[in-house]
């Protein structure tokens, strides 16, 4: 009597894919850098299961196996690098905050043309390119010209221009914000603007902003806008 033996058909060439559940996909999509880096053992278990269920007639290519390990290791290393960069950013923000606090109470010079008139006194710092006649005009917060005049100056940086808050008619203007516009003619008679800076006491620092904001005369500036400390 002849016995017939049924031979199972070999599995399809290649490795048998693992089923992916919807919960696993959701977990992977919401995984943070730290948890993904911690799933290395899970990845190895999945890879081991894949090797156990592969087609013995067509085993997993060694190169593919190595590439999968290298790719996952690269992702893990990149995540660790991102965490380290985040730590450096946090450290830099802390350093900026500490540096900003040191400016409180100091008289600082920053780029700008709008200064605060306080107790009938406002000061601007000018960088005069050439010796000659300088023309100035001062406007209030509404843009109206409240003072204009000219004076002889010599070339040089860090020249203080003090204003007592008096208009051209001699009236005393109220304290507030005023903007200085300064220029002088060049060799061809064309008006050339003069770079202006303002100086004032740093009253406070807003550490809730990034970078921190320094308050000088009701105006805010970042640390990198400070040119120098006068006192």
N, C-alpha and C. Protein backbone atom coordinates (compact mmCIF):
# COMPACT_ATOMS: atom_id res chain seq x y z
N UNK A 1 0.86 -1.18 0.00
CA UNK A 1 0.00 0.00 0.00
C UNK A 1 0.90 1.22 0.00
N UNK A 2 0.59 2.06 -0.86
CA UNK A 2 1.43 3.26 -1.02
C UNK A 2 0.91 4.36 -0.13
N UNK A 3 1.81 4.90 0.63
CA UNK A 3 1.44 6.01 1.53
C UNK A 3 1.86 7.32 0.91
N UNK A 4 0.89 8.17 0.83
CA UNK A 4 1.16 9.49 0.23
C UNK A 4 1.44 10.50 1.33
N UNK A 5 2.52 11.15 1.22
CA UNK A 5 2.91 12.15 2.22
C UNK A 5 2.73 13.54 1.63
N UNK A 6 1.95 14.33 2.31
CA UNK A 6 1.73 15.71 1.85
C UNK A 6 2.90 16.58 2.32
N UNK A 7 3.51 17.22 1.38
CA UNK A 7 4.65 18.11 1.68
C UNK A 7 4.17 19.54 1.63
N UNK A 8 4.38 20.22 2.70
CA UNK A 8 3.93 21.63 2.73
C UNK A 8 4.75 22.46 1.78
N UNK A 9 4.05 23.38 1.15
CA UNK A 9 4.74 24.28 0.22
C UNK A 9 5.65 25.20 1.00
N UNK A 10 6.83 25.50 0.44
CA UNK A 10 7.76 26.39 1.15
C UNK A 10 7.18 27.79 1.26
N UNK A 11 7.55 28.48 2.27
CA UNK A 11 7.04 29.85 2.42
C UNK A 11 7.51 30.75 1.30
N UNK A 12 6.80 31.85 1.16
CA UNK A 12 7.14 32.80 0.11
C UNK A 12 8.54 33.32 0.36
N UNK A 13 9.26 33.51 -0.73
CA UNK A 13 10.65 33.96 -0.63
C UNK A 13 10.73 35.26 0.14
N UNK A 14 11.74 35.33 0.98
CA UNK A 14 11.92 36.54 1.78
C UNK A 14 11.51 36.29 3.21
N UNK A 15 11.51 37.28 4.01
CA UNK A 15 11.16 37.15 5.41
C UNK A 15 9.69 37.38 5.60
N UNK A 16 9.16 36.78 6.64
CA UNK A 16 7.75 36.93 6.94
C UNK A 16 7.53 38.22 7.70
N UNK A 17 6.74 39.16 7.18
CA UNK A 17 6.57 40.45 7.87
C UNK A 17 5.78 40.27 9.14
N UNK A 18 6.10 41.07 10.14
CA UNK A 18 5.37 41.04 11.39
C UNK A 18 4.15 41.93 11.29
N UNK A 19 3.00 41.47 11.85
CA UNK A 19 1.81 42.32 11.79
C UNK A 19 2.01 43.57 12.62
N UNK A 20 1.51 44.69 12.10
CA UNK A 20 1.65 45.97 12.80
C UNK A 20 0.28 46.38 13.28
N UNK A 21 0.13 46.47 14.58
CA UNK A 21 -1.15 46.85 15.15
C UNK A 21 -1.31 48.35 15.10
N UNK A 22 -2.57 48.78 15.17
CA UNK A 22 -2.84 50.22 15.14
C UNK A 22 -2.29 50.90 16.37
N UNK A 23 -2.30 50.18 17.52
CA UNK A 23 -1.77 50.78 18.75
C UNK A 23 -0.27 51.00 18.64
N UNK A 24 0.42 50.05 17.95
CA UNK A 24 1.86 50.21 17.78
C UNK A 24 2.16 51.41 16.91
N UNK A 25 1.38 51.59 15.83
CA UNK A 25 1.60 52.74 14.95
C UNK A 25 1.36 54.04 15.69
N UNK A 26 0.30 54.06 16.52
CA UNK A 26 0.01 55.26 17.28
C UNK A 26 1.13 55.57 18.26
N UNK A 27 1.67 54.47 18.88
CA UNK A 27 2.75 54.67 19.83
C UNK A 27 4.00 55.22 19.17
N UNK A 28 4.31 54.69 17.97
CA UNK A 28 5.50 55.14 17.27
C UNK A 28 5.35 56.59 16.82
N UNK A 29 4.15 56.98 16.41
CA UNK A 29 3.96 58.34 15.92
C UNK A 29 4.07 59.37 17.02
N UNK A 30 3.75 58.96 18.28
CA UNK A 30 3.79 59.90 19.40
C UNK A 30 5.00 59.70 20.29
N UNK A 31 5.94 58.86 19.85
CA UNK A 31 7.11 58.57 20.68
C UNK A 31 8.03 59.77 20.74
N UNK A 32 8.45 60.11 21.91
CA UNK A 32 9.42 61.19 22.07
C UNK A 32 10.82 60.67 21.88
N UNK A 33 11.79 61.59 21.87
CA UNK A 33 13.17 61.18 21.65
C UNK A 33 13.66 60.22 22.70
N UNK A 34 13.31 60.45 23.96
CA UNK A 34 13.83 59.59 25.02
C UNK A 34 13.24 58.19 24.95
N UNK A 35 11.93 58.07 24.65
CA UNK A 35 11.31 56.74 24.61
C UNK A 35 11.75 55.96 23.38
N UNK A 36 11.94 56.65 22.27
CA UNK A 36 12.40 55.96 21.07
C UNK A 36 13.80 55.41 21.28
N UNK A 37 14.64 56.21 21.95
CA UNK A 37 15.99 55.72 22.24
C UNK A 37 15.95 54.53 23.20
N UNK A 38 14.91 54.46 24.05
CA UNK A 38 14.81 53.36 24.99
C UNK A 38 14.18 52.11 24.42
N UNK A 39 13.74 52.14 23.17
CA UNK A 39 13.10 50.98 22.55
C UNK A 39 14.09 50.11 21.77
N UNK A 40 15.36 50.26 22.07
CA UNK A 40 16.35 49.49 21.32
C UNK A 40 16.17 47.98 21.56
N UNK A 41 15.86 47.60 22.81
CA UNK A 41 15.66 46.18 23.10
C UNK A 41 14.43 45.65 22.36
N UNK A 42 13.38 46.46 22.28
CA UNK A 42 12.19 46.04 21.54
C UNK A 42 12.51 45.81 20.08
N UNK A 43 13.34 46.70 19.54
CA UNK A 43 13.74 46.54 18.14
C UNK A 43 14.51 45.24 17.94
N UNK A 44 15.39 44.91 18.89
CA UNK A 44 16.16 43.68 18.77
C UNK A 44 15.25 42.45 18.86
N UNK A 45 14.24 42.51 19.72
CA UNK A 45 13.31 41.39 19.82
C UNK A 45 12.53 41.20 18.53
N UNK A 46 12.10 42.30 17.94
CA UNK A 46 11.39 42.21 16.67
C UNK A 46 12.29 41.63 15.58
N UNK A 47 13.55 42.08 15.59
CA UNK A 47 14.48 41.60 14.59
C UNK A 47 14.77 40.10 14.79
N UNK A 48 14.86 39.67 16.07
CA UNK A 48 15.07 38.25 16.35
C UNK A 48 13.89 37.41 15.88
N UNK A 49 12.68 37.89 16.13
CA UNK A 49 11.48 37.19 15.67
C UNK A 49 11.45 37.11 14.16
N UNK A 50 11.87 38.16 13.52
CA UNK A 50 11.93 38.16 12.06
C UNK A 50 12.91 37.11 11.55
N UNK A 51 14.05 36.98 12.26
CA UNK A 51 15.04 35.97 11.85
C UNK A 51 14.50 34.55 12.07
N UNK A 52 13.74 34.36 13.16
CA UNK A 52 13.20 33.03 13.45
C UNK A 52 12.14 32.60 12.44
N UNK A 53 11.46 33.56 11.85
CA UNK A 53 10.37 33.26 10.93
C UNK A 53 10.77 33.45 9.47
N UNK A 54 12.02 33.58 9.22
CA UNK A 54 12.42 33.80 7.83
C UNK A 54 12.39 32.48 7.05
N UNK A 55 12.38 32.59 5.78
CA UNK A 55 12.39 31.45 4.87
C UNK A 55 13.79 30.83 4.88
N UNK A 56 13.93 29.59 5.31
CA UNK A 56 15.28 28.98 5.34
C UNK A 56 15.88 28.81 3.97
N UNK A 57 15.00 28.78 2.94
CA UNK A 57 15.52 28.66 1.57
C UNK A 57 15.98 30.01 1.02
N UNK A 58 15.54 31.07 1.69
CA UNK A 58 15.94 32.41 1.23
C UNK A 58 16.16 33.28 2.47
N UNK A 59 17.23 33.04 3.20
CA UNK A 59 17.44 33.75 4.47
C UNK A 59 17.70 35.25 4.25
N UNK A 60 17.55 35.94 5.34
CA UNK A 60 17.79 37.39 5.31
C UNK A 60 19.23 37.68 4.92
N UNK A 61 19.35 38.60 4.01
CA UNK A 61 20.68 39.00 3.54
C UNK A 61 21.46 39.65 4.70
N UNK A 62 22.69 39.24 4.85
CA UNK A 62 23.52 39.78 5.94
C UNK A 62 23.68 41.28 5.81
N UNK A 63 23.80 41.78 4.61
CA UNK A 63 23.97 43.22 4.40
C UNK A 63 22.72 43.99 4.87
N UNK A 64 21.54 43.43 4.58
CA UNK A 64 20.32 44.07 5.02
C UNK A 64 20.23 44.08 6.55
N UNK A 65 20.62 42.96 7.15
CA UNK A 65 20.61 42.87 8.61
C UNK A 65 21.51 43.94 9.22
N UNK A 66 22.70 44.07 8.66
CA UNK A 66 23.65 45.06 9.17
C UNK A 66 23.14 46.48 8.95
N UNK A 67 22.53 46.74 7.79
CA UNK A 67 22.01 48.06 7.50
C UNK A 67 20.91 48.47 8.48
N UNK A 68 20.04 47.50 8.84
CA UNK A 68 18.98 47.80 9.80
C UNK A 68 19.55 48.19 11.15
N UNK A 69 20.56 47.46 11.60
CA UNK A 69 21.20 47.79 12.87
C UNK A 69 21.85 49.18 12.83
N UNK A 70 22.54 49.45 11.73
CA UNK A 70 23.23 50.73 11.60
C UNK A 70 22.23 51.88 11.54
N UNK A 71 21.12 51.70 10.81
CA UNK A 71 20.13 52.75 10.69
C UNK A 71 19.50 53.08 12.04
N UNK A 72 19.15 52.05 12.80
CA UNK A 72 18.55 52.31 14.10
C UNK A 72 19.55 52.96 15.04
N UNK A 73 20.78 52.49 15.00
CA UNK A 73 21.81 53.09 15.85
C UNK A 73 22.03 54.56 15.49
N UNK A 74 21.94 54.90 14.19
CA UNK A 74 22.11 56.28 13.76
C UNK A 74 20.97 57.15 14.27
N UNK A 75 19.74 56.62 14.22
CA UNK A 75 18.60 57.37 14.73
C UNK A 75 18.74 57.61 16.23
N UNK A 76 19.14 56.57 16.95
CA UNK A 76 19.32 56.70 18.39
C UNK A 76 20.39 57.74 18.73
N UNK A 77 21.48 57.72 17.98
CA UNK A 77 22.55 58.67 18.21
C UNK A 77 22.10 60.10 17.91
N UNK A 78 21.29 60.27 16.86
CA UNK A 78 20.79 61.60 16.51
C UNK A 78 19.87 62.13 17.59
N UNK A 79 19.05 61.24 18.16
CA UNK A 79 18.16 61.66 19.23
C UNK A 79 18.95 62.11 20.46
N UNK A 80 20.00 61.38 20.77
CA UNK A 80 20.84 61.78 21.90
C UNK A 80 21.50 63.12 21.63
N UNK A 81 21.91 63.33 20.37
CA UNK A 81 22.51 64.62 20.00
C UNK A 81 21.51 65.75 20.17
N UNK A 82 20.24 65.51 19.77
CA UNK A 82 19.20 66.53 19.93
C UNK A 82 18.99 66.86 21.40
N UNK A 83 19.00 65.85 22.26
CA UNK A 83 18.84 66.09 23.69
C UNK A 83 19.99 66.94 24.23
N UNK A 84 21.20 66.65 23.76
CA UNK A 84 22.35 67.41 24.21
C UNK A 84 22.28 68.86 23.73
N UNK A 85 21.80 69.05 22.49
CA UNK A 85 21.64 70.41 21.97
C UNK A 85 20.60 71.18 22.78
N UNK A 86 19.51 70.49 23.14
CA UNK A 86 18.49 71.13 23.97
C UNK A 86 19.07 71.57 25.31
N UNK A 87 19.94 70.75 25.87
CA UNK A 87 20.59 71.10 27.14
C UNK A 87 21.49 72.31 26.97
N UNK A 88 22.20 72.37 25.83
CA UNK A 88 23.07 73.52 25.58
C UNK A 88 22.26 74.80 25.41
N UNK A 89 21.10 74.70 24.72
CA UNK A 89 20.25 75.87 24.54
C UNK A 89 19.74 76.37 25.89
N UNK A 90 19.32 75.44 26.74
CA UNK A 90 18.85 75.82 28.08
C UNK A 90 19.96 76.48 28.89
N UNK A 91 21.17 75.95 28.76
CA UNK A 91 22.32 76.53 29.47
C UNK A 91 22.62 77.92 28.96
N UNK A 92 22.51 78.11 27.64
CA UNK A 92 22.76 79.42 27.05
C UNK A 92 21.72 80.43 27.53
N UNK A 93 20.46 80.02 27.62
CA UNK A 93 19.41 80.91 28.09
C UNK A 93 19.65 81.31 29.54
N UNK A 94 20.12 80.36 30.34
CA UNK A 94 20.43 80.68 31.73
C UNK A 94 21.58 81.68 31.81
N UNK A 95 22.59 81.49 30.95
CA UNK A 95 23.73 82.41 30.93
C UNK A 95 23.29 83.80 30.52
N UNK A 96 22.39 83.89 29.51
CA UNK A 96 21.88 85.19 29.07
C UNK A 96 21.11 85.88 30.18
N UNK A 97 20.32 85.11 30.92
CA UNK A 97 19.55 85.70 32.01
C UNK A 97 20.48 86.24 33.09
N UNK A 98 21.52 85.47 33.44
CA UNK A 98 22.47 85.91 34.45
C UNK A 98 23.21 87.16 34.00
N UNK A 99 23.60 87.17 32.72
CA UNK A 99 24.31 88.33 32.18
C UNK A 99 23.42 89.56 32.18
N UNK A 100 22.14 89.38 31.82
CA UNK A 100 21.22 90.51 31.78
C UNK A 100 20.99 91.11 33.15
N UNK A 101 20.93 90.28 34.18
CA UNK A 101 20.70 90.79 35.54
C UNK A 101 21.85 91.68 36.00
N UNK A 102 23.04 91.43 35.49
CA UNK A 102 24.20 92.23 35.89
C UNK A 102 24.12 93.66 35.38
N UNK A 103 23.25 93.93 34.38
CA UNK A 103 23.15 95.27 33.81
C UNK A 103 22.20 96.18 34.60
N UNK A 104 21.39 95.60 35.48
CA UNK A 104 20.42 96.41 36.23
C UNK A 104 21.16 97.45 37.08
N UNK A 105 20.73 98.71 36.94
CA UNK A 105 21.35 99.79 37.68
C UNK A 105 22.53 100.42 36.98
N UNK A 106 22.97 99.82 35.86
CA UNK A 106 24.11 100.37 35.11
C UNK A 106 23.62 101.33 34.02
N UNK A 107 24.45 102.28 33.66
CA UNK A 107 24.16 103.19 32.56
C UNK A 107 24.73 102.60 31.28
N UNK A 108 23.85 102.28 30.35
CA UNK A 108 24.24 101.58 29.12
C UNK A 108 24.02 102.47 27.91
N UNK A 109 24.79 102.21 26.87
CA UNK A 109 24.66 102.90 25.59
C UNK A 109 24.21 101.89 24.55
N UNK A 110 23.12 102.22 23.84
CA UNK A 110 22.57 101.33 22.81
C UNK A 110 22.30 102.13 21.55
N UNK A 111 22.23 101.44 20.42
CA UNK A 111 21.86 102.10 19.17
C UNK A 111 20.41 102.56 19.24
N UNK A 112 20.16 103.77 18.77
CA UNK A 112 18.80 104.28 18.77
C UNK A 112 18.79 105.79 18.67
N UNK A 113 17.65 106.34 18.32
CA UNK A 113 17.52 107.79 18.20
C UNK A 113 16.43 108.35 19.11
N UNK A 114 15.67 107.48 19.78
CA UNK A 114 14.60 107.93 20.67
C UNK A 114 15.05 107.81 22.12
N UNK A 115 15.10 108.95 22.80
CA UNK A 115 15.52 108.99 24.20
C UNK A 115 14.39 109.52 25.06
N UNK A 116 14.49 109.24 26.32
CA UNK A 116 13.48 109.71 27.28
C UNK A 116 13.94 111.02 27.89
N UNK A 117 13.07 112.02 27.84
CA UNK A 117 13.32 113.28 28.53
C UNK A 117 12.84 113.12 29.96
N UNK A 118 13.78 113.12 30.90
CA UNK A 118 13.47 112.92 32.30
C UNK A 118 14.03 114.08 33.11
N UNK A 119 13.16 114.72 33.88
CA UNK A 119 13.58 115.89 34.67
C UNK A 119 14.24 116.93 33.78
N UNK A 120 13.63 117.13 32.60
CA UNK A 120 14.09 118.14 31.63
C UNK A 120 15.52 117.87 31.17
N UNK A 121 15.84 116.61 31.01
CA UNK A 121 17.18 116.26 30.53
C UNK A 121 17.12 115.01 29.67
N UNK A 122 17.67 115.11 28.45
CA UNK A 122 17.78 113.97 27.53
C UNK A 122 19.16 114.01 26.91
N UNK A 123 19.73 112.82 26.68
CA UNK A 123 21.09 112.74 26.16
C UNK A 123 21.15 111.74 25.02
N UNK A 124 21.81 112.15 23.95
CA UNK A 124 22.11 111.26 22.84
C UNK A 124 23.63 111.21 22.67
N UNK A 125 24.11 110.13 22.09
CA UNK A 125 25.54 109.98 21.80
C UNK A 125 25.69 109.91 20.29
N UNK A 126 26.54 110.77 19.72
CA UNK A 126 26.68 110.90 18.27
C UNK A 126 28.05 110.44 17.80
N UNK A 127 28.06 109.82 16.62
CA UNK A 127 29.32 109.49 15.93
C UNK A 127 29.43 110.44 14.74
N UNK A 128 30.19 111.52 14.92
CA UNK A 128 30.30 112.57 13.91
C UNK A 128 31.41 112.21 12.93
N UNK A 129 31.08 112.05 11.62
CA UNK A 129 32.10 111.62 10.66
C UNK A 129 33.09 112.70 10.28
N UNK A 130 32.63 113.98 10.23
CA UNK A 130 33.50 115.07 9.78
C UNK A 130 33.26 116.29 10.65
N UNK A 131 34.25 117.15 10.65
CA UNK A 131 34.09 118.44 11.33
C UNK A 131 33.28 119.37 10.45
N UNK A 132 32.44 120.18 11.09
CA UNK A 132 31.62 121.10 10.33
C UNK A 132 30.38 121.49 11.11
N UNK A 133 29.33 121.82 10.37
CA UNK A 133 28.08 122.25 10.98
C UNK A 133 27.09 121.09 11.00
N UNK A 134 26.59 120.80 12.18
CA UNK A 134 25.62 119.72 12.34
C UNK A 134 24.23 120.31 12.53
N UNK A 135 23.29 119.78 11.79
CA UNK A 135 21.90 120.20 11.89
C UNK A 135 21.12 119.13 12.66
N UNK A 136 20.35 119.57 13.63
CA UNK A 136 19.58 118.63 14.43
C UNK A 136 18.12 119.06 14.47
N UNK A 137 17.25 118.08 14.59
CA UNK A 137 15.83 118.34 14.82
C UNK A 137 15.32 117.27 15.77
N UNK A 138 14.43 117.68 16.66
CA UNK A 138 13.89 116.78 17.66
C UNK A 138 12.38 116.75 17.51
N UNK A 139 11.82 115.55 17.46
CA UNK A 139 10.38 115.39 17.33
C UNK A 139 9.83 114.69 18.56
N UNK A 140 8.55 114.96 18.84
CA UNK A 140 7.91 114.31 19.98
C UNK A 140 7.31 112.98 19.55
N UNK A 141 6.58 112.33 20.44
CA UNK A 141 6.01 111.01 20.15
C UNK A 141 4.96 111.06 19.04
N UNK A 142 4.43 112.25 18.75
CA UNK A 142 3.43 112.40 17.67
C UNK A 142 4.09 112.70 16.33
N UNK A 143 5.41 112.85 16.30
CA UNK A 143 6.11 113.14 15.06
C UNK A 143 6.24 114.62 14.76
N UNK A 144 5.82 115.48 15.68
CA UNK A 144 5.91 116.93 15.47
C UNK A 144 7.29 117.43 15.88
N UNK A 145 7.86 118.29 15.05
CA UNK A 145 9.16 118.86 15.35
C UNK A 145 9.01 119.91 16.46
N UNK A 146 9.68 119.69 17.56
CA UNK A 146 9.58 120.61 18.71
C UNK A 146 10.85 121.43 18.88
N UNK A 147 11.92 121.01 18.24
CA UNK A 147 13.16 121.77 18.32
C UNK A 147 14.00 121.50 17.09
N UNK A 148 14.68 122.53 16.60
CA UNK A 148 15.63 122.39 15.50
C UNK A 148 16.73 123.43 15.68
N UNK A 149 17.91 123.09 15.24
CA UNK A 149 19.02 124.02 15.38
C UNK A 149 20.26 123.46 14.72
N UNK A 150 21.35 124.18 14.82
CA UNK A 150 22.63 123.76 14.24
C UNK A 150 23.75 124.18 15.18
N UNK A 151 24.87 123.48 15.05
CA UNK A 151 26.02 123.79 15.89
C UNK A 151 27.28 123.27 15.22
N UNK A 152 28.40 123.85 15.58
CA UNK A 152 29.68 123.42 15.03
C UNK A 152 30.20 122.23 15.83
N UNK A 153 30.66 121.22 15.12
CA UNK A 153 31.16 120.01 15.77
C UNK A 153 32.46 119.59 15.12
N UNK A 154 33.22 118.80 15.83
CA UNK A 154 34.44 118.23 15.29
C UNK A 154 34.24 116.73 15.13
N UNK A 155 34.98 116.15 14.21
CA UNK A 155 34.85 114.72 13.94
C UNK A 155 35.24 113.91 15.16
N UNK A 156 34.49 112.86 15.39
CA UNK A 156 34.81 112.00 16.52
C UNK A 156 33.61 111.17 16.94
N UNK A 157 33.88 110.09 17.61
CA UNK A 157 32.83 109.20 18.08
C UNK A 157 32.48 109.50 19.54
N UNK A 158 31.34 109.01 19.94
CA UNK A 158 30.90 109.09 21.34
C UNK A 158 30.82 110.52 21.83
N UNK A 159 30.25 111.41 21.01
CA UNK A 159 30.06 112.79 21.43
C UNK A 159 28.65 112.95 21.99
N UNK A 160 28.55 113.45 23.20
CA UNK A 160 27.25 113.60 23.85
C UNK A 160 26.54 114.85 23.36
N UNK A 161 25.24 114.70 23.10
CA UNK A 161 24.38 115.84 22.77
C UNK A 161 23.30 115.90 23.84
N UNK A 162 23.35 116.94 24.65
CA UNK A 162 22.41 117.11 25.75
C UNK A 162 21.33 118.12 25.37
N UNK A 163 20.12 117.81 25.75
CA UNK A 163 18.98 118.70 25.46
C UNK A 163 18.20 118.89 26.76
N UNK A 164 17.86 120.16 27.02
CA UNK A 164 17.17 120.49 28.27
C UNK A 164 15.65 120.46 28.15
N UNK A 165 15.17 120.00 27.02
CA UNK A 165 13.72 119.89 26.86
C UNK A 165 13.02 121.18 26.49
N UNK A 166 13.77 122.20 26.09
CA UNK A 166 13.15 123.47 25.71
C UNK A 166 12.93 123.52 24.20
N UNK A 167 11.75 124.02 23.80
CA UNK A 167 11.42 124.20 22.40
C UNK A 167 12.11 125.45 21.87
N UNK A 168 11.98 125.71 20.56
CA UNK A 168 12.62 126.87 19.97
C UNK A 168 12.06 128.18 20.54
N UNK A 169 10.80 128.15 20.99
CA UNK A 169 10.20 129.37 21.55
C UNK A 169 10.53 129.56 23.03
N UNK A 170 11.36 128.65 23.58
CA UNK A 170 11.78 128.78 24.97
C UNK A 170 10.87 128.10 25.96
N UNK A 171 9.77 127.51 25.51
CA UNK A 171 8.85 126.84 26.44
C UNK A 171 9.43 125.50 26.86
N UNK A 172 9.11 125.12 28.08
CA UNK A 172 9.61 123.84 28.60
C UNK A 172 8.64 122.72 28.23
N UNK A 173 9.15 121.70 27.57
CA UNK A 173 8.33 120.59 27.13
C UNK A 173 8.23 119.53 28.23
N UNK A 174 7.13 118.79 28.25
CA UNK A 174 6.96 117.77 29.30
C UNK A 174 7.88 116.58 29.07
N UNK A 175 8.14 115.87 30.14
CA UNK A 175 8.94 114.65 30.02
C UNK A 175 8.22 113.64 29.13
N UNK A 176 9.01 112.83 28.42
CA UNK A 176 8.45 111.85 27.51
C UNK A 176 9.51 111.36 26.55
N UNK A 177 9.08 110.72 25.49
CA UNK A 177 10.00 110.20 24.49
C UNK A 177 10.16 111.19 23.34
N UNK A 178 11.41 111.45 22.99
CA UNK A 178 11.73 112.37 21.90
C UNK A 178 12.79 111.74 21.01
N UNK A 179 12.66 112.02 19.72
CA UNK A 179 13.55 111.43 18.72
C UNK A 179 14.43 112.50 18.10
N UNK A 180 15.72 112.20 18.05
CA UNK A 180 16.70 113.15 17.49
C UNK A 180 17.07 112.72 16.07
N UNK A 181 17.07 113.69 15.16
CA UNK A 181 17.54 113.49 13.79
C UNK A 181 18.72 114.44 13.58
N UNK A 182 19.88 113.88 13.26
CA UNK A 182 21.09 114.70 13.08
C UNK A 182 21.71 114.41 11.74
N UNK A 183 22.19 115.46 11.07
CA UNK A 183 22.84 115.31 9.77
C UNK A 183 23.81 116.46 9.57
N UNK A 184 24.68 116.31 8.59
CA UNK A 184 25.60 117.37 8.21
C UNK A 184 25.94 117.24 6.74
N UNK A 185 26.23 118.34 6.07
CA UNK A 185 26.50 118.26 4.63
C UNK A 185 27.86 117.62 4.35
N UNK A 186 27.91 116.87 3.24
CA UNK A 186 29.19 116.32 2.81
C UNK A 186 29.88 117.31 1.88
N UNK A 187 30.92 116.87 1.18
CA UNK A 187 31.66 117.76 0.30
C UNK A 187 30.83 118.29 -0.85
N UNK A 188 29.77 117.58 -1.22
CA UNK A 188 28.91 118.01 -2.33
C UNK A 188 27.69 118.77 -1.86
N UNK A 189 27.59 119.00 -0.56
CA UNK A 189 26.45 119.73 -0.03
C UNK A 189 25.25 118.86 0.28
N UNK A 190 25.38 117.56 0.08
CA UNK A 190 24.27 116.65 0.39
C UNK A 190 24.27 116.32 1.88
N UNK A 191 23.08 116.20 2.43
CA UNK A 191 22.95 115.90 3.86
C UNK A 191 23.29 114.44 4.12
N UNK A 192 24.13 114.21 5.09
CA UNK A 192 24.53 112.86 5.47
C UNK A 192 24.09 112.63 6.91
N UNK A 193 23.34 111.55 7.12
CA UNK A 193 22.85 111.26 8.45
C UNK A 193 23.97 110.89 9.41
N UNK A 194 23.79 111.25 10.66
CA UNK A 194 24.76 110.96 11.70
C UNK A 194 24.21 109.84 12.58
N UNK A 195 25.04 108.85 12.83
CA UNK A 195 24.62 107.73 13.67
C UNK A 195 24.39 108.20 15.09
N UNK A 196 23.25 107.83 15.64
CA UNK A 196 22.90 108.25 16.99
C UNK A 196 22.75 107.03 17.90
N UNK A 197 23.09 107.24 19.13
CA UNK A 197 22.91 106.25 20.19
C UNK A 197 22.30 106.94 21.39
N UNK A 198 21.72 106.16 22.25
CA UNK A 198 21.16 106.73 23.47
C UNK A 198 21.78 106.03 24.67
N UNK A 199 21.76 106.71 25.79
CA UNK A 199 22.25 106.10 27.00
C UNK A 199 21.24 106.31 28.12
N UNK A 200 21.18 105.37 29.00
CA UNK A 200 20.24 105.45 30.11
C UNK A 200 20.49 104.34 31.09
N UNK A 201 19.84 104.43 32.22
CA UNK A 201 20.00 103.44 33.29
C UNK A 201 19.08 102.25 32.99
N UNK A 202 19.63 101.05 33.13
CA UNK A 202 18.84 99.83 32.97
C UNK A 202 17.98 99.67 34.23
N UNK A 203 16.67 99.85 34.06
CA UNK A 203 15.78 99.83 35.22
C UNK A 203 15.40 98.42 35.63
N UNK A 204 15.17 97.54 34.66
CA UNK A 204 14.71 96.19 34.99
C UNK A 204 15.04 95.25 33.83
N UNK A 205 14.83 93.97 34.07
CA UNK A 205 15.07 92.94 33.07
C UNK A 205 13.86 92.01 33.05
N UNK A 206 13.36 91.74 31.84
CA UNK A 206 12.24 90.81 31.67
C UNK A 206 12.83 89.45 31.30
N UNK A 207 12.87 88.53 32.27
CA UNK A 207 13.45 87.22 32.05
C UNK A 207 12.46 86.25 31.41
N UNK A 208 11.21 86.66 31.25
CA UNK A 208 10.23 85.77 30.62
C UNK A 208 10.39 85.74 29.11
N UNK A 209 11.15 86.66 28.56
CA UNK A 209 11.39 86.72 27.13
C UNK A 209 12.71 86.03 26.79
N UNK A 210 12.82 85.56 25.57
CA UNK A 210 14.05 84.92 25.12
C UNK A 210 14.48 85.54 23.78
N UNK A 211 15.60 86.30 23.75
CA UNK A 211 16.48 86.60 24.89
C UNK A 211 15.85 87.60 25.85
N UNK A 212 16.39 87.73 27.06
CA UNK A 212 15.85 88.67 28.04
C UNK A 212 15.88 90.10 27.51
N UNK A 213 14.91 90.91 27.94
CA UNK A 213 14.79 92.29 27.48
C UNK A 213 15.16 93.24 28.61
N UNK A 214 16.04 94.19 28.29
CA UNK A 214 16.45 95.21 29.26
C UNK A 214 15.57 96.44 29.06
N UNK A 215 15.13 97.04 30.15
CA UNK A 215 14.30 98.23 30.09
C UNK A 215 15.16 99.46 30.35
N UNK A 216 15.22 100.35 29.34
CA UNK A 216 15.99 101.60 29.44
C UNK A 216 15.07 102.73 29.00
N UNK A 217 14.68 103.58 29.93
CA UNK A 217 13.82 104.71 29.58
C UNK A 217 12.51 104.29 28.94
N UNK A 218 11.84 103.31 29.50
CA UNK A 218 10.55 102.81 29.00
C UNK A 218 10.66 102.16 27.63
N UNK A 219 11.87 101.79 27.23
CA UNK A 219 12.07 101.06 26.00
C UNK A 219 12.85 99.79 26.31
N UNK A 220 12.68 98.78 25.48
CA UNK A 220 13.32 97.49 25.75
C UNK A 220 14.38 97.18 24.69
N UNK A 221 15.45 96.54 25.14
CA UNK A 221 16.56 96.19 24.28
C UNK A 221 17.09 94.83 24.71
N UNK A 222 17.68 94.12 23.76
CA UNK A 222 18.35 92.86 24.08
C UNK A 222 19.79 93.14 24.48
N UNK A 223 20.41 92.15 25.10
CA UNK A 223 21.79 92.33 25.58
C UNK A 223 22.74 92.63 24.43
N UNK A 224 22.53 91.97 23.27
CA UNK A 224 23.47 92.18 22.16
C UNK A 224 23.34 93.56 21.53
N UNK A 225 22.30 94.34 21.91
CA UNK A 225 22.17 95.71 21.40
C UNK A 225 22.97 96.71 22.22
N UNK A 226 23.44 96.29 23.37
CA UNK A 226 24.23 97.20 24.21
C UNK A 226 25.63 97.34 23.63
N UNK A 227 26.04 98.58 23.43
CA UNK A 227 27.35 98.86 22.86
C UNK A 227 28.42 98.94 23.93
N UNK A 228 28.08 99.53 25.06
CA UNK A 228 29.04 99.66 26.15
C UNK A 228 28.30 100.09 27.41
N UNK A 229 28.99 99.95 28.53
CA UNK A 229 28.49 100.38 29.83
C UNK A 229 29.30 101.60 30.26
N UNK A 230 28.58 102.70 30.52
CA UNK A 230 29.25 103.93 30.90
C UNK A 230 29.63 103.90 32.37
N UNK A 231 28.71 103.48 33.21
CA UNK A 231 28.99 103.42 34.64
C UNK A 231 28.07 102.41 35.30
